[in-house]
Amino acid sequence: MSILMVTGVEGARNCAAVVGAQLGMEVEVAEGRKASLGALRRREFSVVVVDETMAECDPAAAERIWEHAGLAIPLQINFALAGAARLIREIRAALHRREREQGLARRAAAAAIETELKSTVAGLLLHSQLALNGSEVPSPIADRLRMVADLAGNLRQQLSAPLDVRGNTAA
């Protein structure tokens, strides 16, 4: 995990060193649009912090930086007013929000998969039972259908237990 700081403020490298030490992350400083876009092309960042004064002076450049930031958390801070302590708090808060949002997304995905599986298994079970109850089915096919129906029934029972975010049955 690394941070890109885009600012031309004097002392930004000292601030980056403090932020990196406090957060245990690598911090790269880019002094302008070109340098920041080059850094974003070279690697992925967890957080991209753009100096507010730079963004206000050149909104098109700031927009290009945000477009190339990928999945990085975008932060805009006035480096002239904010010290390293505030920057660290803002980055921590943003990372915490991202972690919370990812957890919610994982739970929602697990719930959607569970619902889809339950629906598919129920359909498989119903079709197997209908085929067995229908017209005469040759013995080898009937045996296979019973096996599928048994498997679907067992799977359906397992799916009635709640799943955790990794899709494992919660005990």
N, C-alpha and C. Protein backbone atom coordinates (compact mmCIF):
# COMPACT_ATOMS: atom_id res chain seq x y z
N MET A 1 0.86 -1.18 0.00
CA MET A 1 0.00 0.00 0.00
C MET A 1 0.89 1.23 0.00
N SER A 2 0.56 2.16 -0.88
CA SER A 2 1.36 3.36 -0.97
C SER A 2 0.48 4.57 -1.24
N ILE A 3 1.06 5.73 -1.01
CA ILE A 3 0.34 7.00 -1.13
C ILE A 3 1.09 7.88 -2.12
N LEU A 4 0.34 8.59 -2.95
CA LEU A 4 0.93 9.59 -3.84
C LEU A 4 0.45 10.95 -3.36
N MET A 5 1.40 11.84 -3.05
CA MET A 5 1.08 13.21 -2.66
C MET A 5 1.45 14.11 -3.83
N VAL A 6 0.47 14.89 -4.31
CA VAL A 6 0.71 15.80 -5.43
C VAL A 6 0.68 17.22 -4.90
N THR A 7 1.85 17.82 -4.78
CA THR A 7 1.95 19.17 -4.24
C THR A 7 3.29 19.78 -4.61
N GLY A 8 3.28 21.08 -4.71
CA GLY A 8 4.52 21.80 -4.96
C GLY A 8 4.98 22.55 -3.72
N VAL A 9 4.34 22.32 -2.60
CA VAL A 9 4.64 23.02 -1.36
C VAL A 9 6.02 22.60 -0.86
N GLU A 10 6.78 23.59 -0.43
CA GLU A 10 8.11 23.31 0.13
C GLU A 10 7.93 22.53 1.43
N GLY A 11 8.75 21.55 1.64
CA GLY A 11 8.65 20.73 2.84
C GLY A 11 7.74 19.53 2.67
N ALA A 12 7.24 19.32 1.46
CA ALA A 12 6.33 18.19 1.23
C ALA A 12 7.02 16.85 1.47
N ARG A 13 8.30 16.78 1.15
CA ARG A 13 9.03 15.51 1.34
C ARG A 13 9.18 15.20 2.84
N ASN A 14 9.37 16.23 3.66
CA ASN A 14 9.42 16.01 5.11
C ASN A 14 8.08 15.52 5.63
N CYS A 15 7.01 16.15 5.15
CA CYS A 15 5.66 15.75 5.52
C CYS A 15 5.41 14.30 5.08
N ALA A 16 5.85 13.96 3.87
CA ALA A 16 5.68 12.61 3.34
C ALA A 16 6.41 11.59 4.22
N ALA A 17 7.58 11.95 4.69
CA ALA A 17 8.34 11.04 5.55
C ALA A 17 7.60 10.79 6.86
N VAL A 18 7.02 11.84 7.44
CA VAL A 18 6.27 11.70 8.69
C VAL A 18 5.03 10.85 8.46
N VAL A 19 4.29 11.15 7.38
CA VAL A 19 3.07 10.38 7.05
C VAL A 19 3.42 8.92 6.84
N GLY A 20 4.46 8.65 6.07
CA GLY A 20 4.87 7.27 5.80
C GLY A 20 5.24 6.53 7.06
N ALA A 21 5.98 7.19 7.95
CA ALA A 21 6.39 6.55 9.20
C ALA A 21 5.18 6.26 10.09
N GLN A 22 4.25 7.21 10.20
CA GLN A 22 3.08 7.04 11.06
C GLN A 22 2.12 5.96 10.54
N LEU A 23 1.95 5.90 9.22
CA LEU A 23 0.98 4.97 8.64
C LEU A 23 1.62 3.65 8.21
N GLY A 24 2.94 3.60 8.21
CA GLY A 24 3.61 2.38 7.77
C GLY A 24 3.43 2.13 6.29
N MET A 25 3.37 3.20 5.52
CA MET A 25 3.16 3.10 4.08
C MET A 25 4.24 3.89 3.35
N GLU A 26 4.49 3.49 2.12
CA GLU A 26 5.42 4.24 1.29
C GLU A 26 4.69 5.46 0.73
N VAL A 27 5.33 6.62 0.78
CA VAL A 27 4.73 7.85 0.28
C VAL A 27 5.64 8.43 -0.80
N GLU A 28 5.05 8.65 -1.97
CA GLU A 28 5.78 9.26 -3.08
C GLU A 28 5.23 10.68 -3.28
N VAL A 29 6.13 11.62 -3.53
CA VAL A 29 5.74 13.01 -3.74
C VAL A 29 5.93 13.35 -5.21
N ALA A 30 4.89 13.90 -5.82
CA ALA A 30 4.96 14.39 -7.20
C ALA A 30 4.71 15.89 -7.14
N GLU A 31 5.57 16.66 -7.80
CA GLU A 31 5.48 18.12 -7.68
C GLU A 31 4.59 18.79 -8.72
N GLY A 32 3.97 18.04 -9.57
CA GLY A 32 3.09 18.64 -10.56
C GLY A 32 2.30 17.59 -11.31
N ARG A 33 1.54 18.08 -12.30
CA ARG A 33 0.67 17.20 -13.09
C ARG A 33 1.46 16.12 -13.81
N LYS A 34 2.51 16.52 -14.53
CA LYS A 34 3.28 15.54 -15.31
C LYS A 34 3.89 14.47 -14.41
N ALA A 35 4.48 14.89 -13.32
CA ALA A 35 5.12 13.93 -12.41
C ALA A 35 4.07 12.99 -11.80
N SER A 36 2.92 13.53 -11.46
CA SER A 36 1.89 12.69 -10.86
C SER A 36 1.32 11.69 -11.86
N LEU A 37 1.09 12.13 -13.10
CA LEU A 37 0.58 11.20 -14.12
C LEU A 37 1.60 10.12 -14.43
N GLY A 38 2.88 10.48 -14.44
CA GLY A 38 3.93 9.48 -14.63
C GLY A 38 3.94 8.46 -13.51
N ALA A 39 3.81 8.92 -12.28
CA ALA A 39 3.78 8.02 -11.12
C ALA A 39 2.56 7.10 -11.19
N LEU A 40 1.42 7.63 -11.61
CA LEU A 40 0.20 6.83 -11.70
C LEU A 40 0.30 5.80 -12.82
N ARG A 41 1.06 6.09 -13.87
CA ARG A 41 1.27 5.12 -14.94
C ARG A 41 2.20 3.99 -14.48
N ARG A 42 3.17 4.32 -13.65
CA ARG A 42 4.16 3.35 -13.20
C ARG A 42 3.61 2.34 -12.21
N ARG A 43 2.68 2.77 -11.34
CA ARG A 43 2.22 1.87 -10.29
C ARG A 43 0.86 2.28 -9.75
N GLU A 44 0.30 1.37 -8.95
CA GLU A 44 -0.98 1.60 -8.27
C GLU A 44 -0.73 2.24 -6.91
N PHE A 45 -1.64 3.10 -6.51
CA PHE A 45 -1.57 3.72 -5.19
C PHE A 45 -2.87 3.44 -4.46
N SER A 46 -2.78 3.38 -3.14
CA SER A 46 -3.98 3.20 -2.31
C SER A 46 -4.71 4.53 -2.14
N VAL A 47 -3.92 5.61 -2.01
CA VAL A 47 -4.47 6.94 -1.78
C VAL A 47 -3.71 7.93 -2.66
N VAL A 48 -4.44 8.86 -3.27
CA VAL A 48 -3.83 9.96 -4.01
C VAL A 48 -4.30 11.25 -3.35
N VAL A 49 -3.35 12.01 -2.82
CA VAL A 49 -3.65 13.27 -2.13
C VAL A 49 -3.18 14.41 -3.02
N VAL A 50 -4.12 15.26 -3.42
CA VAL A 50 -3.79 16.40 -4.28
C VAL A 50 -3.93 17.68 -3.46
N ASP A 51 -2.95 18.56 -3.60
CA ASP A 51 -2.98 19.85 -2.91
C ASP A 51 -4.15 20.66 -3.46
N GLU A 52 -4.97 21.16 -2.56
CA GLU A 52 -6.17 21.91 -2.93
C GLU A 52 -5.83 23.15 -3.76
N THR A 53 -4.78 23.84 -3.42
CA THR A 53 -4.42 25.05 -4.18
C THR A 53 -4.03 24.69 -5.61
N MET A 54 -3.36 23.57 -5.79
CA MET A 54 -3.01 23.11 -7.13
C MET A 54 -4.28 22.76 -7.92
N ALA A 55 -5.21 22.09 -7.27
CA ALA A 55 -6.46 21.69 -7.91
C ALA A 55 -7.29 22.91 -8.31
N GLU A 56 -7.29 23.94 -7.48
CA GLU A 56 -8.06 25.15 -7.79
C GLU A 56 -7.41 25.97 -8.89
N CYS A 57 -6.08 25.98 -8.92
CA CYS A 57 -5.36 26.74 -9.95
C CYS A 57 -5.45 26.07 -11.31
N ASP A 58 -5.47 24.77 -11.35
CA ASP A 58 -5.51 24.03 -12.61
C ASP A 58 -6.50 22.87 -12.49
N PRO A 59 -7.81 23.16 -12.58
CA PRO A 59 -8.81 22.11 -12.41
C PRO A 59 -8.71 21.00 -13.45
N ALA A 60 -8.30 21.35 -14.68
CA ALA A 60 -8.17 20.32 -15.72
C ALA A 60 -7.09 19.31 -15.36
N ALA A 61 -5.98 19.80 -14.80
CA ALA A 61 -4.90 18.90 -14.39
C ALA A 61 -5.37 18.00 -13.25
N ALA A 62 -6.08 18.57 -12.30
CA ALA A 62 -6.60 17.78 -11.18
C ALA A 62 -7.56 16.70 -11.70
N GLU A 63 -8.39 17.07 -12.65
CA GLU A 63 -9.33 16.10 -13.23
C GLU A 63 -8.59 14.96 -13.91
N ARG A 64 -7.52 15.25 -14.61
CA ARG A 64 -6.72 14.21 -15.28
C ARG A 64 -6.08 13.28 -14.23
N ILE A 65 -5.63 13.86 -13.13
CA ILE A 65 -5.03 13.04 -12.06
C ILE A 65 -6.09 12.09 -11.51
N TRP A 66 -7.29 12.61 -11.23
CA TRP A 66 -8.36 11.76 -10.69
C TRP A 66 -8.73 10.66 -11.68
N GLU A 67 -8.75 10.99 -12.97
CA GLU A 67 -9.10 9.99 -13.99
C GLU A 67 -8.09 8.85 -14.02
N HIS A 68 -6.82 9.16 -13.79
CA HIS A 68 -5.78 8.15 -13.86
C HIS A 68 -5.49 7.49 -12.51
N ALA A 69 -6.19 7.90 -11.47
CA ALA A 69 -5.93 7.38 -10.13
C ALA A 69 -6.40 5.94 -9.95
N GLY A 70 -7.25 5.45 -10.84
CA GLY A 70 -7.73 4.07 -10.73
C GLY A 70 -8.57 3.87 -9.49
N LEU A 71 -8.23 2.86 -8.70
CA LEU A 71 -8.98 2.54 -7.49
C LEU A 71 -8.47 3.25 -6.25
N ALA A 72 -7.50 4.13 -6.43
CA ALA A 72 -6.96 4.87 -5.29
C ALA A 72 -8.03 5.78 -4.69
N ILE A 73 -7.95 5.96 -3.39
CA ILE A 73 -8.86 6.87 -2.70
C ILE A 73 -8.40 8.30 -3.00
N PRO A 74 -9.28 9.13 -3.56
CA PRO A 74 -8.89 10.51 -3.86
C PRO A 74 -9.11 11.42 -2.64
N LEU A 75 -8.09 12.19 -2.29
CA LEU A 75 -8.20 13.17 -1.22
C LEU A 75 -7.66 14.50 -1.72
N GLN A 76 -8.33 15.56 -1.34
CA GLN A 76 -7.89 16.91 -1.70
C GLN A 76 -7.73 17.69 -0.41
N ILE A 77 -6.49 18.14 -0.15
CA ILE A 77 -6.18 18.81 1.12
C ILE A 77 -5.34 20.04 0.83
N ASN A 78 -5.59 21.09 1.62
CA ASN A 78 -4.78 22.30 1.50
C ASN A 78 -3.53 22.11 2.34
N PHE A 79 -2.41 21.84 1.68
CA PHE A 79 -1.15 21.57 2.37
C PHE A 79 -0.62 22.79 3.11
N ALA A 80 -1.00 23.98 2.66
CA ALA A 80 -0.54 25.20 3.32
C ALA A 80 -1.17 25.35 4.71
N LEU A 81 -2.38 24.82 4.88
CA LEU A 81 -3.09 24.95 6.15
C LEU A 81 -3.02 23.69 7.01
N ALA A 82 -2.98 22.55 6.37
CA ALA A 82 -3.02 21.28 7.11
C ALA A 82 -1.61 20.79 7.38
N GLY A 83 -1.41 20.30 8.55
CA GLY A 83 -0.12 19.72 8.90
C GLY A 83 -0.15 18.22 8.69
N ALA A 84 0.95 17.59 9.03
CA ALA A 84 1.07 16.15 8.86
C ALA A 84 0.04 15.40 9.70
N ALA A 85 -0.25 15.90 10.91
CA ALA A 85 -1.21 15.22 11.79
C ALA A 85 -2.60 15.16 11.16
N ARG A 86 -3.03 16.27 10.57
CA ARG A 86 -4.35 16.28 9.92
C ARG A 86 -4.35 15.37 8.70
N LEU A 87 -3.29 15.42 7.93
CA LEU A 87 -3.18 14.58 6.74
C LEU A 87 -3.26 13.10 7.13
N ILE A 88 -2.58 12.74 8.20
CA ILE A 88 -2.61 11.36 8.67
C ILE A 88 -4.02 10.96 9.09
N ARG A 89 -4.71 11.85 9.82
CA ARG A 89 -6.10 11.57 10.23
C ARG A 89 -7.00 11.38 9.02
N GLU A 90 -6.87 12.24 8.02
CA GLU A 90 -7.71 12.16 6.82
C GLU A 90 -7.45 10.86 6.06
N ILE A 91 -6.19 10.49 5.93
CA ILE A 91 -5.85 9.25 5.21
C ILE A 91 -6.36 8.04 5.98
N ARG A 92 -6.17 8.02 7.30
CA ARG A 92 -6.68 6.91 8.11
C ARG A 92 -8.19 6.78 7.97
N ALA A 93 -8.88 7.91 8.05
CA ALA A 93 -10.34 7.89 7.94
C ALA A 93 -10.78 7.37 6.57
N ALA A 94 -10.10 7.80 5.52
CA ALA A 94 -10.44 7.36 4.17
C ALA A 94 -10.19 5.86 4.01
N LEU A 95 -9.06 5.38 4.53
CA LEU A 95 -8.77 3.95 4.45
C LEU A 95 -9.77 3.13 5.25
N HIS A 96 -10.18 3.65 6.41
CA HIS A 96 -11.18 2.96 7.23
C HIS A 96 -12.52 2.90 6.50
N ARG A 97 -12.92 4.01 5.87
CA ARG A 97 -14.17 4.02 5.08
C ARG A 97 -14.10 3.00 3.97
N ARG A 98 -12.99 2.95 3.26
CA ARG A 98 -12.83 2.00 2.16
C ARG A 98 -12.94 0.57 2.66
N GLU A 99 -12.30 0.28 3.79
CA GLU A 99 -12.35 -1.07 4.36
C GLU A 99 -13.78 -1.45 4.74
N ARG A 100 -14.49 -0.51 5.34
CA ARG A 100 -15.89 -0.75 5.72
C ARG A 100 -16.76 -0.98 4.49
N GLU A 101 -16.57 -0.18 3.45
CA GLU A 101 -17.34 -0.33 2.21
C GLU A 101 -17.04 -1.67 1.53
N GLN A 102 -15.79 -2.10 1.56
CA GLN A 102 -15.43 -3.38 0.96
C GLN A 102 -16.06 -4.53 1.73
N GLY A 103 -16.10 -4.43 3.06
CA GLY A 103 -16.76 -5.45 3.87
C GLY A 103 -18.24 -5.55 3.56
N LEU A 104 -18.89 -4.40 3.42
CA LEU A 104 -20.31 -4.39 3.06
C LEU A 104 -20.52 -4.98 1.67
N ALA A 105 -19.65 -4.67 0.75
CA ALA A 105 -19.76 -5.20 -0.61
C ALA A 105 -19.57 -6.72 -0.61
N ARG A 106 -18.62 -7.22 0.19
CA ARG A 106 -18.41 -8.67 0.28
C ARG A 106 -19.65 -9.36 0.83
N ARG A 107 -20.23 -8.79 1.89
CA ARG A 107 -21.43 -9.40 2.47
C ARG A 107 -22.58 -9.38 1.48
N ALA A 108 -22.74 -8.29 0.74
CA ALA A 108 -23.81 -8.21 -0.25
C ALA A 108 -23.59 -9.23 -1.37
N ALA A 109 -22.34 -9.40 -1.80
CA ALA A 109 -22.04 -10.38 -2.85
C ALA A 109 -22.31 -11.79 -2.35
N ALA A 110 -21.91 -12.08 -1.10
CA ALA A 110 -22.15 -13.41 -0.54
C ALA A 110 -23.65 -13.69 -0.45
N ALA A 111 -24.42 -12.70 -0.05
CA ALA A 111 -25.87 -12.87 0.04
C ALA A 111 -26.48 -13.10 -1.34
N ALA A 112 -26.00 -12.36 -2.34
CA ALA A 112 -26.52 -12.54 -3.70
C ALA A 112 -26.18 -13.93 -4.24
N ILE A 113 -24.97 -14.39 -3.99
CA ILE A 113 -24.57 -15.73 -4.45
C ILE A 113 -25.39 -16.80 -3.74
N GLU A 114 -25.59 -16.61 -2.44
CA GLU A 114 -26.39 -17.57 -1.66
C GLU A 114 -27.81 -17.65 -2.21
N THR A 115 -28.41 -16.52 -2.50
CA THR A 115 -29.77 -16.49 -3.05
C THR A 115 -29.81 -17.18 -4.40
N GLU A 116 -28.83 -16.91 -5.24
CA GLU A 116 -28.77 -17.52 -6.57
C GLU A 116 -28.60 -19.03 -6.46
N LEU A 117 -27.73 -19.47 -5.55
CA LEU A 117 -27.53 -20.91 -5.36
C LEU A 117 -28.80 -21.59 -4.87
N LYS A 118 -29.48 -20.94 -3.93
CA LYS A 118 -30.72 -21.53 -3.41
C LYS A 118 -31.74 -21.68 -4.52
N SER A 119 -31.85 -20.69 -5.36
CA SER A 119 -32.80 -20.73 -6.47
C SER A 119 -32.43 -21.83 -7.46
N THR A 120 -31.15 -21.92 -7.79
CA THR A 120 -30.69 -22.94 -8.74
C THR A 120 -30.90 -24.34 -8.19
N VAL A 121 -30.55 -24.54 -6.93
CA VAL A 121 -30.69 -25.85 -6.30
C VAL A 121 -32.17 -26.22 -6.21
N ALA A 122 -33.03 -25.27 -5.86
CA ALA A 122 -34.47 -25.55 -5.78
C ALA A 122 -35.00 -25.96 -7.15
N GLY A 123 -34.56 -25.28 -8.19
CA GLY A 123 -34.99 -25.62 -9.55
C GLY A 123 -34.51 -27.00 -9.96
N LEU A 124 -33.27 -27.31 -9.63
CA LEU A 124 -32.70 -28.63 -9.94
C LEU A 124 -33.47 -29.72 -9.21
N LEU A 125 -33.76 -29.50 -7.96
CA LEU A 125 -34.51 -30.46 -7.16
C LEU A 125 -35.91 -30.67 -7.74
N LEU A 126 -36.57 -29.59 -8.08
CA LEU A 126 -37.93 -29.67 -8.63
C LEU A 126 -37.94 -30.41 -9.96
N HIS A 127 -37.01 -30.09 -10.84
CA HIS A 127 -36.95 -30.76 -12.15
C HIS A 127 -36.64 -32.25 -12.01
N SER A 128 -35.77 -32.58 -11.09
CA SER A 128 -35.44 -34.00 -10.87
C SER A 128 -36.65 -34.77 -10.37
N GLN A 129 -37.36 -34.18 -9.42
CA GLN A 129 -38.55 -34.85 -8.88
C GLN A 129 -39.65 -34.96 -9.92
N LEU A 130 -39.83 -33.93 -10.73
CA LEU A 130 -40.85 -33.99 -11.79
C LEU A 130 -40.50 -35.07 -12.82
N ALA A 131 -39.25 -35.17 -13.16
CA ALA A 131 -38.83 -36.18 -14.14
C ALA A 131 -39.07 -37.58 -13.58
N LEU A 132 -38.79 -37.76 -12.28
CA LEU A 132 -38.99 -39.07 -11.67
C LEU A 132 -40.48 -39.42 -11.54
N ASN A 133 -41.32 -38.41 -11.32
CA ASN A 133 -42.75 -38.64 -11.15
C ASN A 133 -43.49 -38.72 -12.48
N GLY A 134 -42.84 -38.33 -13.53
CA GLY A 134 -43.48 -38.28 -14.85
C GLY A 134 -43.57 -39.65 -15.46
N SER A 135 -43.48 -39.68 -16.75
CA SER A 135 -43.61 -40.93 -17.50
C SER A 135 -42.50 -41.90 -17.10
N GLU A 136 -42.55 -43.07 -17.67
CA GLU A 136 -41.56 -44.08 -17.33
C GLU A 136 -40.17 -43.61 -17.75
N VAL A 137 -39.28 -43.62 -16.78
CA VAL A 137 -37.91 -43.22 -17.02
C VAL A 137 -37.06 -44.48 -16.92
N PRO A 138 -36.17 -44.71 -17.91
CA PRO A 138 -35.32 -45.90 -17.84
C PRO A 138 -34.57 -45.94 -16.50
N SER A 139 -34.33 -47.14 -16.01
CA SER A 139 -33.73 -47.34 -14.69
C SER A 139 -32.40 -46.60 -14.49
N PRO A 140 -31.43 -46.67 -15.42
CA PRO A 140 -30.17 -45.97 -15.18
C PRO A 140 -30.37 -44.45 -15.06
N ILE A 141 -31.28 -43.91 -15.85
CA ILE A 141 -31.53 -42.46 -15.79
C ILE A 141 -32.26 -42.12 -14.50
N ALA A 142 -33.20 -42.97 -14.08
CA ALA A 142 -33.92 -42.74 -12.83
C ALA A 142 -32.96 -42.76 -11.65
N ASP A 143 -32.00 -43.70 -11.68
CA ASP A 143 -31.00 -43.76 -10.60
C ASP A 143 -30.19 -42.46 -10.54
N ARG A 144 -29.78 -41.98 -11.71
CA ARG A 144 -29.01 -40.72 -11.76
C ARG A 144 -29.85 -39.55 -11.26
N LEU A 145 -31.13 -39.49 -11.66
CA LEU A 145 -32.01 -38.41 -11.23
C LEU A 145 -32.21 -38.44 -9.71
N ARG A 146 -32.35 -39.65 -9.14
CA ARG A 146 -32.48 -39.75 -7.68
C ARG A 146 -31.21 -39.26 -6.99
N MET A 147 -30.06 -39.62 -7.58
CA MET A 147 -28.79 -39.18 -7.01
C MET A 147 -28.69 -37.64 -7.06
N VAL A 148 -29.10 -37.06 -8.20
CA VAL A 148 -29.08 -35.60 -8.34
C VAL A 148 -30.05 -34.97 -7.35
N ALA A 149 -31.23 -35.57 -7.20
CA ALA A 149 -32.23 -35.03 -6.27
C ALA A 149 -31.70 -35.10 -4.83
N ASP A 150 -31.04 -36.21 -4.48
CA ASP A 150 -30.46 -36.33 -3.14
C ASP A 150 -29.38 -35.28 -2.91
N LEU A 151 -28.50 -35.12 -3.90
CA LEU A 151 -27.44 -34.11 -3.78
C LEU A 151 -28.03 -32.71 -3.66
N ALA A 152 -29.04 -32.43 -4.47
CA ALA A 152 -29.68 -31.11 -4.43
C ALA A 152 -30.35 -30.89 -3.07
N GLY A 153 -30.98 -31.94 -2.54
CA GLY A 153 -31.62 -31.82 -1.22
C GLY A 153 -30.59 -31.55 -0.14
N ASN A 154 -29.45 -32.26 -0.19
CA ASN A 154 -28.39 -32.04 0.80
C ASN A 154 -27.82 -30.63 0.68
N LEU A 155 -27.60 -30.20 -0.55
CA LEU A 155 -27.07 -28.85 -0.78
C LEU A 155 -28.05 -27.79 -0.28
N ARG A 156 -29.32 -28.05 -0.50
CA ARG A 156 -30.35 -27.10 -0.05
C ARG A 156 -30.34 -26.98 1.48
N GLN A 157 -30.15 -28.11 2.18
CA GLN A 157 -30.06 -28.08 3.63
C GLN A 157 -28.83 -27.30 4.09
N GLN A 158 -27.72 -27.50 3.40
CA GLN A 158 -26.50 -26.77 3.75
C GLN A 158 -26.67 -25.28 3.52
N LEU A 159 -27.40 -24.92 2.47
CA LEU A 159 -27.60 -23.50 2.16
C LEU A 159 -28.55 -22.82 3.13
N SER A 160 -29.33 -23.62 3.90
CA SER A 160 -30.22 -22.96 4.86
C SER A 160 -29.44 -22.42 6.04
N ALA A 161 -28.19 -22.92 6.23
CA ALA A 161 -27.32 -22.34 7.26
C ALA A 161 -26.72 -21.07 6.69
N PRO A 162 -26.62 -20.00 7.50
CA PRO A 162 -26.08 -18.74 6.99
C PRO A 162 -24.62 -18.88 6.56
N LEU A 163 -24.26 -18.10 5.54
CA LEU A 163 -22.89 -18.10 5.04
C LEU A 163 -22.14 -16.90 5.59
N ASP A 164 -20.83 -17.07 5.81
CA ASP A 164 -20.02 -15.90 6.18
C ASP A 164 -19.58 -15.20 4.89
N VAL A 165 -18.80 -14.13 5.03
CA VAL A 165 -18.44 -13.33 3.85
C VAL A 165 -17.56 -14.10 2.87
N ARG A 166 -16.95 -15.19 3.29
CA ARG A 166 -16.12 -15.99 2.36
C ARG A 166 -16.95 -17.08 1.69
N GLY A 167 -18.23 -17.22 2.08
CA GLY A 167 -19.09 -18.22 1.48
C GLY A 167 -19.06 -19.54 2.25
N ASN A 168 -18.40 -19.60 3.39
CA ASN A 168 -18.36 -20.80 4.21
C ASN A 168 -19.58 -20.85 5.10
N THR A 169 -20.05 -22.06 5.39
CA THR A 169 -21.19 -22.19 6.28
C THR A 169 -20.77 -21.75 7.67
N ALA A 170 -21.52 -20.82 8.24
CA ALA A 170 -21.21 -20.32 9.59
C ALA A 170 -21.61 -21.38 10.61
N ALA A 171 -20.77 -21.59 11.59
CA ALA A 171 -21.07 -22.61 12.60
C ALA A 171 -21.54 -21.96 13.88
